[in-house]
Amino acid sequence: MAAPSTDLEGLDLTRYRAMVFDLDGTLIDSMPFHVRAWQQVALEHDGFVLEPDFIYERGGYSSPNIVRDLIKAGCKVPSIDAFVKRKVELYRAHMAEVPVFERVLTILKEARQRGAKIAIGTGTQRINAVDILKQHNLLDLVDVIVSGDDVTKHKPEPDTFLYALEQVKVDPKDALVVEDGLPGIKAAANGHLDCLVVDRGALARFIPA
């Protein structure tokens, strides 16, 4: 694998026939809202104090897998499904406040305008992905959404991205993943996909397949 590059001047994105965007922390600035929801539901379970880094390190994980890691860390969880349901309730209560990352949105719109296929590849639940895209009038710009509900092997496995590309009928060598989280970056590497890494809406580095 080639070394990652932090020199993004002159990076040609026009050659990609498809782009797969992670959602939380990549296209939308939702991670602080997710963190607060996870922290609150953890406190509701035996007063478990959850540090923000615990969630940031698992950006891109499915919610059930995050709960399984919480259990390993000592949080008492009688029901994974009930825990996830409560967390989703808490997040959705503030979802209307979640902004987009304008720089990443510009990349998406430019790719769409030149005819590239646009996919969302996220570990979040489908209802959250659809609703947040609707909220920002982005649903019509997206060809396919692959959510945590649609695959059984989640990031860092490559299934989310590869399934999205299968649906838009684009070969992985002609596609770019846009990601912020380590699990998603690893998923791109595991799927032999070029990856544009973003950090809080800014372009950070390019990692070729």
Protein backbone atom coordinates (compact mmCIF):
# COMPACT_ATOMS: atom_id res chain seq x y z
CA MET A 1 0.00 0.00 0.00
CA ALA A 2 1.29 3.46 -0.88
CA ALA A 3 2.06 5.92 1.87
CA PRO A 4 -0.65 8.43 2.82
CA SER A 5 -0.23 11.97 1.54
CA THR A 6 -0.93 15.19 3.43
CA ASP A 7 -0.17 17.27 0.33
CA LEU A 8 -3.67 17.64 -1.09
CA GLU A 9 -2.86 20.42 -3.54
CA GLY A 10 -3.69 19.22 -7.00
CA LEU A 11 -5.52 16.10 -5.78
CA ASP A 12 -7.66 15.09 -8.76
CA LEU A 13 -11.09 13.92 -7.63
CA THR A 14 -12.60 14.10 -11.10
CA ARG A 15 -11.35 10.63 -12.05
CA TYR A 16 -13.67 8.91 -9.57
CA ARG A 17 -16.90 7.52 -10.94
CA ALA A 18 -18.33 7.09 -7.44
CA MET A 19 -17.79 8.54 -4.00
CA VAL A 20 -18.88 6.91 -0.75
CA PHE A 21 -19.28 9.34 2.13
CA ASP A 22 -19.39 8.39 5.75
CA LEU A 23 -22.08 10.41 7.50
CA ASP A 24 -21.42 11.17 11.17
CA GLY A 25 -18.31 13.28 11.62
CA THR A 26 -17.63 13.32 7.88
CA LEU A 27 -20.56 14.93 6.07
CA ILE A 28 -22.45 16.13 9.13
CA ASP A 29 -21.08 17.53 12.39
CA SER A 30 -23.08 15.12 14.52
CA MET A 31 -20.47 13.49 16.71
CA PRO A 32 -20.88 15.90 19.66
CA PHE A 33 -24.60 15.15 19.62
CA HIS A 34 -23.98 11.39 19.51
CA VAL A 35 -21.48 11.67 22.36
CA ARG A 36 -23.94 13.51 24.58
CA ALA A 37 -26.66 10.96 23.85
CA TRP A 38 -24.34 8.04 24.65
CA GLN A 39 -23.17 9.75 27.83
CA GLN A 40 -26.71 10.35 29.04
CA VAL A 41 -27.94 6.83 28.43
CA ALA A 42 -24.80 5.43 30.09
CA LEU A 43 -25.49 7.57 33.15
CA GLU A 44 -29.03 6.23 33.21
CA HIS A 45 -27.54 2.74 33.49
CA ASP A 46 -26.06 2.55 36.96
CA GLY A 47 -24.45 5.98 36.67
CA PHE A 48 -21.76 4.84 34.22
CA VAL A 49 -19.50 7.79 33.28
CA LEU A 50 -18.54 7.67 29.62
CA GLU A 51 -15.59 9.66 28.31
CA PRO A 52 -16.07 11.35 24.89
CA ASP A 53 -12.98 9.63 23.43
CA PHE A 54 -14.68 6.26 23.91
CA ILE A 55 -17.25 7.24 21.27
CA TYR A 56 -14.92 9.21 19.00
CA GLU A 57 -12.60 6.19 18.78
CA ARG A 58 -15.58 4.13 17.60
CA GLY A 59 -16.86 6.53 14.99
CA GLY A 60 -18.41 4.41 12.26
CA TYR A 61 -19.21 1.45 14.52
CA SER A 62 -22.79 0.22 14.61
CA SER A 63 -24.70 1.14 17.76
CA PRO A 64 -25.01 -2.47 19.01
CA ASN A 65 -21.25 -2.93 18.67
CA ILE A 66 -20.64 0.25 20.68
CA VAL A 67 -22.92 -1.11 23.40
CA ARG A 68 -21.03 -4.41 23.41
CA ASP A 69 -17.82 -2.47 23.99
CA LEU A 70 -19.54 -0.54 26.79
CA ILE A 71 -20.46 -3.82 28.44
CA LYS A 72 -16.82 -4.91 28.25
CA ALA A 73 -15.89 -1.59 29.89
CA GLY A 74 -18.19 -2.30 32.81
CA CYS A 75 -21.47 -0.59 31.92
CA LYS A 76 -24.45 -2.63 33.13
CA VAL A 77 -26.73 -3.18 30.13
CA PRO A 78 -29.73 -5.47 30.70
CA SER A 79 -30.82 -5.15 27.06
CA ILE A 80 -28.69 -4.03 24.10
CA ASP A 81 -31.80 -3.26 22.03
CA ALA A 82 -33.36 -1.12 24.78
CA PHE A 83 -30.06 0.71 25.34
CA VAL A 84 -29.73 1.52 21.64
CA LYS A 85 -33.38 2.57 21.42
CA ARG A 86 -32.94 5.03 24.28
CA LYS A 87 -29.74 6.43 22.78
CA VAL A 88 -31.50 6.97 19.44
CA GLU A 89 -34.34 8.79 21.22
CA LEU A 90 -31.87 11.12 22.91
CA TYR A 91 -29.97 11.80 19.68
CA ARG A 92 -33.07 12.38 17.60
CA ALA A 93 -34.39 14.90 20.12
CA HIS A 94 -31.58 17.24 19.01
CA MET A 95 -31.09 16.10 15.42
CA ALA A 96 -32.55 19.30 13.97
CA GLU A 97 -29.58 21.16 15.46
CA VAL A 98 -26.94 19.09 13.63
CA PRO A 99 -25.04 21.11 10.96
CA VAL A 100 -23.24 19.94 7.83
CA PHE A 101 -19.55 20.31 7.05
CA GLU A 102 -19.67 22.77 4.15
CA ARG A 103 -16.28 21.80 2.64
CA VAL A 104 -17.25 18.13 2.44
CA LEU A 105 -20.70 19.01 1.11
CA THR A 106 -19.04 21.01 -1.67
CA ILE A 107 -17.01 17.95 -2.67
CA LEU A 108 -20.21 15.89 -2.77
CA LYS A 109 -22.08 18.45 -4.87
CA GLU A 110 -19.20 18.89 -7.32
CA ALA A 111 -18.95 15.12 -7.76
CA ARG A 112 -22.67 14.90 -8.36
CA GLN A 113 -22.57 17.72 -10.92
CA ARG A 114 -19.92 15.94 -12.97
CA GLY A 115 -21.97 12.73 -13.00
CA ALA A 116 -20.32 10.64 -10.28
CA LYS A 117 -22.47 8.29 -8.27
CA ILE A 118 -22.94 9.34 -4.64
CA ALA A 119 -23.36 6.86 -1.80
CA ILE A 120 -23.61 7.17 1.94
CA GLY A 121 -21.85 4.40 3.87
CA THR A 122 -22.62 4.71 7.56
CA GLY A 123 -22.84 2.65 10.70
CA THR A 124 -25.85 4.61 11.92
CA GLN A 125 -29.42 3.37 11.64
CA ARG A 126 -31.20 3.96 8.34
CA ILE A 127 -33.91 6.13 9.86
CA ASN A 128 -31.29 8.54 11.23
CA ALA A 129 -29.39 8.67 7.94
CA VAL A 130 -32.52 9.31 5.87
CA ASP A 131 -33.92 11.92 8.23
CA ILE A 132 -30.70 13.93 8.56
CA LEU A 133 -30.26 13.97 4.77
CA LYS A 134 -33.87 15.11 4.36
CA GLN A 135 -33.32 17.79 6.97
CA HIS A 136 -30.51 19.30 4.89
CA ASN A 137 -32.24 18.72 1.52
CA LEU A 138 -29.53 16.27 0.46
CA LEU A 139 -31.55 13.13 -0.17
CA ASP A 140 -31.96 13.88 -3.88
CA LEU A 141 -28.17 14.15 -4.25
CA VAL A 142 -27.60 10.60 -3.00
CA ASP A 143 -27.97 7.50 -5.15
CA VAL A 144 -27.79 4.92 -2.38
CA ILE A 145 -27.60 4.71 1.40
CA VAL A 146 -25.96 1.75 3.12
CA SER A 147 -26.62 1.95 6.84
CA GLY A 148 -25.80 -0.15 9.86
CA ASP A 149 -29.10 -1.94 9.23
CA ASP A 150 -28.03 -3.14 5.79
CA VAL A 151 -24.90 -5.18 6.49
CA THR A 152 -23.94 -7.75 9.09
CA LYS A 153 -20.21 -7.01 9.01
CA HIS A 154 -19.65 -3.40 9.98
CA LYS A 155 -16.59 -1.15 9.79
CA PRO A 156 -13.66 -1.86 9.94
CA GLU A 157 -14.85 -4.60 7.61
CA PRO A 158 -15.25 -3.20 4.06
CA ASP A 159 -18.77 -4.55 3.47
CA THR A 160 -20.54 -1.18 3.92
CA PHE A 161 -18.49 0.48 1.17
CA LEU A 162 -18.35 -2.50 -1.17
CA TYR A 163 -22.11 -3.06 -0.95
CA ALA A 164 -22.70 0.60 -1.79
CA LEU A 165 -20.45 0.35 -4.86
CA GLU A 166 -22.15 -2.88 -5.90
CA GLN A 167 -25.49 -1.07 -5.89
CA VAL A 168 -24.26 1.85 -7.98
CA LYS A 169 -22.38 -0.56 -10.27
CA VAL A 170 -18.95 1.07 -9.95
CA ASP A 171 -15.71 -0.87 -9.58
CA PRO A 172 -13.81 -0.16 -6.33
CA LYS A 173 -10.77 1.01 -8.30
CA ASP A 174 -12.90 3.85 -9.69
CA ALA A 175 -14.29 4.93 -6.32
CA LEU A 176 -13.25 7.14 -3.42
CA VAL A 177 -14.23 6.80 0.22
CA VAL A 178 -14.51 10.00 2.27
CA GLU A 179 -14.08 9.25 5.97
CA ASP A 180 -13.15 10.73 9.33
CA GLY A 181 -13.13 7.73 11.69
CA LEU A 182 -10.42 5.11 12.15
CA PRO A 183 -12.84 2.15 11.69
CA GLY A 184 -13.96 3.62 8.36
CA ILE A 185 -10.41 4.39 7.27
CA LYS A 186 -9.50 0.78 8.04
CA ALA A 187 -12.61 -0.39 6.16
CA ALA A 188 -11.47 1.51 3.07
CA ALA A 189 -8.02 -0.06 3.34
CA ASN A 190 -9.54 -3.52 3.80
CA GLY A 191 -11.65 -2.96 0.69
CA HIS A 192 -8.64 -1.72 -1.34
CA LEU A 193 -10.29 1.67 -1.79
CA ASP A 194 -8.73 5.11 -2.07
CA CYS A 195 -9.65 7.17 0.98
CA LEU A 196 -9.85 10.91 1.53
CA VAL A 197 -9.60 11.52 5.27
CA VAL A 198 -11.31 14.58 6.72
CA ASP A 199 -10.93 16.09 10.16
CA ARG A 200 -13.79 18.26 11.45
CA GLY A 201 -14.71 19.24 7.93
CA ALA A 202 -11.17 19.96 6.70
CA LEU A 203 -9.26 17.80 4.25
CA ALA A 204 -6.55 16.00 6.21
CA ARG A 205 -4.85 13.36 4.07
CA PHE A 206 -5.23 11.05 1.11
CA ILE A 207 -4.59 7.33 1.51
CA PRO A 208 -4.36 5.41 -1.76
CA ALA A 209 -5.54 1.83 -1.95
